Amino acid sequence: MTHPLDDSEMARWIAWKRANDAVLAAVAREIHSAAGLSAADFAVLSRVIENGDGRMPQQDLGAMLDWKRARLSRQLSRMAERGLLRREDGHGRRVLIVATDEGRTALAAARPAHARAVRSALFERTRAPGTDTFWNVIQEIAAPPEAAP
């Protein structure tokens, strides 16, 4: 039987969640302030523009973001209404997501704010001696689990 977290484990878990929330909130605020984009807008546009050269099948985008179809569809509809992207018919029954000039301009404005916020909220606060170990652990946690044979 697995036992509940002890006080020390719970404190670390709560600190982890708070730190994650604080960094993500700081980044989202900077992006919104600089470009009027939400974190979700930024996630979509950065993938379509930087990984798809401005156009990408909707299914591939959903897989890249690891979002459910309904969430992706709602987000894309909101962004299309704001002129950040459009949907086009692709080969077969595929739908292509295409970044508009407005979407490209917004992402270009958001990129420096994103970098500034990540550096300020995360990297500048994790430069103490010994943080290489911290980052090694983070990379290990973030690595996809190995496929079972």
Protein backbone atom coordinates (compact mmCIF):
# COMPACT_ATOMS: atom_id res chain seq x y z
CA MET A 1 0.00 0.00 0.00
CA THR A 2 1.27 3.47 -0.87
CA HIS A 3 1.41 5.89 2.02
CA PRO A 4 0.37 9.55 1.75
CA LEU A 5 3.08 12.15 1.34
CA ASP A 6 4.82 13.07 4.56
CA ASP A 7 5.10 16.73 5.62
CA SER A 8 8.45 17.27 3.90
CA GLU A 9 7.27 15.66 0.65
CA MET A 10 4.04 17.67 0.71
CA ALA A 11 5.96 20.91 1.27
CA ARG A 12 8.19 20.16 -1.71
CA TRP A 13 5.20 19.22 -3.87
CA ILE A 14 3.43 22.48 -3.00
CA ALA A 15 6.61 24.48 -3.64
CA TRP A 16 6.99 22.77 -7.04
CA LYS A 17 3.41 23.63 -8.01
CA ARG A 18 3.73 27.23 -6.81
CA ALA A 19 7.02 27.73 -8.64
CA ASN A 20 5.59 26.31 -11.86
CA ASP A 21 2.47 28.46 -11.57
CA ALA A 22 4.54 31.59 -10.82
CA VAL A 23 6.82 31.12 -13.83
CA LEU A 24 3.95 30.35 -16.22
CA ALA A 25 1.94 33.33 -14.94
CA ALA A 26 4.89 35.70 -15.34
CA VAL A 27 5.48 34.51 -18.90
CA ALA A 28 1.78 34.77 -19.77
CA ARG A 29 1.58 38.33 -18.39
CA GLU A 30 4.58 39.47 -20.43
CA ILE A 31 3.29 37.90 -23.63
CA HIS A 32 -0.15 39.43 -23.15
CA SER A 33 1.28 42.84 -22.33
CA ALA A 34 3.60 42.86 -25.35
CA ALA A 35 1.35 41.31 -27.98
CA GLY A 36 -2.18 40.84 -26.64
CA LEU A 37 -1.81 37.08 -26.92
CA SER A 38 -2.86 34.51 -24.35
CA ALA A 39 -0.49 31.70 -23.46
CA ALA A 40 -2.64 29.38 -25.60
CA ASP A 41 -2.50 31.81 -28.56
CA PHE A 42 1.27 31.92 -28.21
CA ALA A 43 1.52 28.12 -28.04
CA VAL A 44 -0.53 27.70 -31.22
CA LEU A 45 1.16 30.44 -33.24
CA SER A 46 4.68 29.47 -32.24
CA ARG A 47 4.13 25.89 -33.33
CA VAL A 48 2.38 26.72 -36.60
CA ILE A 49 4.93 29.38 -37.56
CA GLU A 50 8.13 27.87 -36.23
CA ASN A 51 7.44 24.17 -36.85
CA GLY A 52 5.14 24.39 -39.84
CA ASP A 53 6.49 27.46 -41.63
CA GLY A 54 3.13 29.15 -41.18
CA ARG A 55 0.83 26.24 -42.06
CA MET A 56 0.19 22.94 -40.41
CA PRO A 57 -2.46 20.23 -40.45
CA GLN A 58 -4.80 20.72 -37.49
CA GLN A 59 -4.31 17.10 -36.43
CA ASP A 60 -0.51 17.55 -36.28
CA LEU A 61 -0.92 20.74 -34.26
CA GLY A 62 -3.17 18.98 -31.76
CA ALA A 63 -0.65 16.16 -31.37
CA MET A 64 2.20 18.63 -30.92
CA LEU A 65 0.30 20.52 -28.22
CA ASP A 66 -1.13 17.33 -26.69
CA TRP A 67 -4.57 18.96 -26.56
CA LYS A 68 -7.94 17.28 -26.93
CA ARG A 69 -9.75 17.99 -30.21
CA ALA A 70 -12.48 20.06 -28.55
CA ARG A 71 -10.01 22.32 -26.76
CA LEU A 72 -7.98 22.84 -29.93
CA SER A 73 -11.06 23.54 -32.01
CA ARG A 74 -12.36 26.16 -29.56
CA GLN A 75 -8.95 27.83 -29.37
CA LEU A 76 -8.57 27.91 -33.15
CA SER A 77 -12.07 29.37 -33.57
CA ARG A 78 -11.27 32.18 -31.11
CA MET A 79 -8.01 32.91 -32.88
CA ALA A 80 -9.64 32.87 -36.31
CA GLU A 81 -12.25 35.36 -35.10
CA ARG A 82 -9.41 37.66 -34.04
CA GLY A 83 -7.66 37.30 -37.40
CA LEU A 84 -4.58 35.49 -36.06
CA LEU A 85 -5.05 32.42 -38.25
CA ARG A 86 -7.42 30.79 -40.69
CA ARG A 87 -8.47 27.27 -41.55
CA GLU A 88 -8.10 25.91 -45.07
CA ASP A 89 -9.07 22.63 -46.66
CA GLY A 90 -6.07 20.34 -47.08
CA HIS A 91 -5.54 17.05 -48.87
CA GLY A 92 -8.24 14.52 -48.20
CA ARG A 93 -10.31 15.61 -45.24
CA ARG A 94 -7.44 17.32 -43.46
CA VAL A 95 -7.78 20.88 -42.24
CA LEU A 96 -4.78 23.17 -42.50
CA ILE A 97 -4.13 25.89 -39.93
CA VAL A 98 -2.54 28.92 -41.55
CA ALA A 99 -1.03 31.85 -39.66
CA THR A 100 -2.13 35.22 -40.99
CA ASP A 101 0.07 38.30 -41.25
CA GLU A 102 -1.59 39.51 -38.04
CA GLY A 103 -0.66 36.25 -36.32
CA ARG A 104 2.93 36.49 -37.52
CA THR A 105 3.17 40.10 -36.33
CA ALA A 106 1.74 39.20 -32.93
CA LEU A 107 4.16 36.30 -32.49
CA ALA A 108 7.09 38.51 -33.50
CA ALA A 109 6.04 41.01 -30.82
CA ALA A 110 5.58 38.26 -28.23
CA ARG A 111 8.91 36.46 -28.79
CA PRO A 112 11.15 39.05 -27.04
CA ALA A 113 8.66 39.33 -24.16
CA HIS A 114 8.64 35.55 -23.82
CA ALA A 115 12.44 35.42 -23.66
CA ARG A 116 12.60 38.29 -21.17
CA ALA A 117 10.02 36.68 -18.90
CA VAL A 118 11.58 33.21 -18.98
CA ARG A 119 14.98 34.66 -18.16
CA SER A 120 13.63 36.84 -15.37
CA ALA A 121 11.19 34.42 -13.77
CA LEU A 122 13.24 31.26 -14.15
CA PHE A 123 16.83 31.41 -15.37
CA GLU A 124 18.01 34.37 -13.30
CA ARG A 125 16.58 32.69 -10.21
CA THR A 126 18.29 29.36 -10.88
CA ARG A 127 21.88 30.49 -11.48
CA ALA A 128 23.22 29.59 -8.06
CA PRO A 129 26.11 27.13 -7.77
CA GLY A 130 24.89 23.56 -8.04
CA THR A 131 21.94 24.32 -10.29
CA ASP A 132 23.36 22.10 -13.02
CA THR A 133 22.11 19.20 -10.93
CA PHE A 134 18.68 20.83 -10.75
CA TRP A 135 18.52 21.23 -14.54
CA ASN A 136 19.73 17.67 -15.10
CA VAL A 137 16.88 16.40 -12.91
CA ILE A 138 14.37 18.64 -14.73
CA GLN A 139 15.53 17.25 -18.09
CA GLU A 140 15.22 13.71 -16.77
CA ILE A 141 11.67 14.38 -15.53
CA ALA A 142 10.73 16.00 -18.83
CA ALA A 143 12.08 13.18 -20.99
CA PRO A 144 9.40 10.98 -22.51
CA PRO A 145 9.14 7.59 -20.84
CA GLU A 146 10.91 4.85 -22.73
CA ALA A 147 8.64 2.53 -24.65
CA ALA A 148 8.16 -0.85 -23.07
CA PRO A 149 9.55 -3.76 -25.12
